[in-house]
Amino acid sequence: MLTGYRLMWMMVIFDLPVGTKKERRAATRFRNDLLDQGFEMCQFSVYMRFSGGKEQVETYTKRIERALPKTGLVQILCFTDRQYETIVSFDGRTREKAKENPKQYVLF
């Protein structure tokens, strides 16, 4: 059964070197790979993606691992859909409205 406690979000946070042309290309390739996998950019080096559960999180984690640049720090945070509902965001000094969770479809 799919519940807000089983459905997961993945947040990929990274700090990649961009001092040389080769490093910039590797960082761009990594960001594009995240986009190709359905991640959305939240901030320049923070990307998020919704997933159906822990098994899917593990699949995406393996894909990210295969796409890692040779240098830099990449971290993956996972949290439940219920925890996602509690995110508080500010734009400047203005509190933003809570983000709406994506609609879920039930297939029979």
Protein backbone atom coordinates (compact mmCIF):
# COMPACT_ATOMS: atom_id res chain seq x y z
CA MET A 1 0.00 0.00 0.00
CA LEU A 2 1.33 3.42 -0.97
CA THR A 3 1.25 5.88 1.91
CA GLY A 4 2.97 9.15 2.73
CA TYR A 5 5.36 7.14 4.87
CA ARG A 6 6.37 4.75 2.07
CA LEU A 7 6.63 7.29 -0.75
CA MET A 8 10.05 8.92 -0.77
CA TRP A 9 11.86 12.03 -1.94
CA MET A 10 15.52 12.09 -2.89
CA MET A 11 17.63 15.22 -2.54
CA VAL A 12 21.05 15.23 -4.20
CA ILE A 13 23.42 17.88 -2.85
CA PHE A 14 26.81 18.37 -4.43
CA ASP A 15 29.87 20.55 -4.41
CA LEU A 16 31.91 19.87 -7.54
CA PRO A 17 35.11 21.61 -8.58
CA VAL A 18 34.80 23.89 -11.62
CA GLY A 19 38.26 25.45 -11.76
CA THR A 20 39.27 23.91 -15.08
CA LYS A 21 37.42 23.35 -18.33
CA LYS A 22 37.53 19.57 -17.75
CA GLU A 23 36.01 19.97 -14.25
CA ARG A 24 33.27 22.28 -15.58
CA ARG A 25 32.38 19.73 -18.27
CA ALA A 26 32.23 16.95 -15.67
CA ALA A 27 30.00 19.04 -13.38
CA THR A 28 27.68 19.93 -16.27
CA ARG A 29 27.53 16.29 -17.36
CA PHE A 30 26.57 15.28 -13.81
CA ARG A 31 23.82 17.93 -13.57
CA ASN A 32 22.45 16.93 -16.98
CA ASP A 33 22.44 13.28 -15.92
CA LEU A 34 20.33 14.18 -12.88
CA LEU A 35 17.90 16.07 -15.12
CA ASP A 36 17.72 13.10 -17.51
CA GLN A 37 16.75 10.89 -14.54
CA GLY A 38 13.85 13.15 -13.65
CA PHE A 39 15.45 15.26 -10.93
CA GLU A 40 14.49 18.92 -10.73
CA MET A 41 16.83 21.73 -9.72
CA CYS A 42 15.86 23.37 -6.39
CA GLN A 43 19.05 25.40 -6.14
CA PHE A 44 22.16 25.37 -8.28
CA SER A 45 23.69 22.31 -6.64
CA VAL A 46 20.55 20.84 -5.03
CA TYR A 47 18.29 18.55 -7.05
CA MET A 48 15.19 16.64 -5.95
CA ARG A 49 13.14 13.75 -7.24
CA PHE A 50 10.03 11.93 -6.07
CA SER A 51 10.19 8.13 -5.93
CA GLY A 52 7.80 5.30 -5.17
CA GLY A 53 9.75 3.79 -2.28
CA LYS A 54 13.06 2.54 -0.97
CA GLU A 55 13.63 0.13 -3.85
CA GLN A 56 13.35 2.93 -6.39
CA VAL A 57 15.60 5.14 -4.25
CA GLU A 58 18.25 2.41 -4.34
CA THR A 59 17.96 2.15 -8.14
CA TYR A 60 18.48 5.90 -8.57
CA THR A 61 21.31 5.90 -6.04
CA LYS A 62 23.15 3.29 -8.14
CA ARG A 63 22.59 5.36 -11.29
CA ILE A 64 23.95 8.45 -9.57
CA GLU A 65 26.94 6.48 -8.34
CA ARG A 66 27.76 5.43 -11.91
CA ALA A 67 27.56 9.08 -13.07
CA LEU A 68 29.77 10.56 -10.33
CA PRO A 69 32.60 12.84 -11.45
CA LYS A 70 36.10 11.82 -10.33
CA THR A 71 36.31 14.65 -7.78
CA GLY A 72 33.92 16.57 -5.58
CA LEU A 73 31.38 15.84 -2.87
CA VAL A 74 27.95 14.37 -3.62
CA GLN A 75 25.43 13.55 -0.89
CA ILE A 76 21.97 11.99 -1.19
CA LEU A 77 19.30 12.63 1.41
CA CYS A 78 16.08 10.62 1.46
CA PHE A 79 12.91 11.48 3.32
CA THR A 80 9.28 10.44 3.28
CA ASP A 81 6.47 12.25 1.55
CA ARG A 82 5.04 13.14 4.97
CA GLN A 83 8.34 14.77 5.94
CA TYR A 84 8.37 16.67 2.63
CA GLU A 85 5.08 18.29 3.63
CA THR A 86 6.82 19.98 6.57
CA ILE A 87 9.44 21.86 4.50
CA VAL A 88 9.44 25.58 5.28
CA SER A 89 10.77 27.84 2.51
CA PHE A 90 11.58 31.54 2.42
CA ASP A 91 12.13 33.75 -0.61
CA GLY A 92 14.03 36.66 0.81
CA ARG A 93 12.20 37.45 4.00
CA THR A 94 8.85 36.19 2.72
CA ARG A 95 7.61 32.78 3.75
CA GLU A 96 6.47 30.81 0.73
CA LYS A 97 3.29 28.76 0.66
CA ALA A 98 3.82 25.07 1.34
CA LYS A 99 4.62 23.09 -1.79
CA GLU A 100 1.92 20.76 -2.94
CA ASN A 101 2.87 17.11 -3.20
CA PRO A 102 2.61 15.59 -6.66
CA LYS A 103 -0.67 13.89 -7.44
CA GLN A 104 -0.65 10.13 -7.02
CA TYR A 105 -2.41 7.84 -9.45
CA VAL A 106 -3.72 4.44 -8.53
CA LEU A 107 -3.56 1.85 -11.27
CA PHE A 108 -5.75 -1.24 -11.11
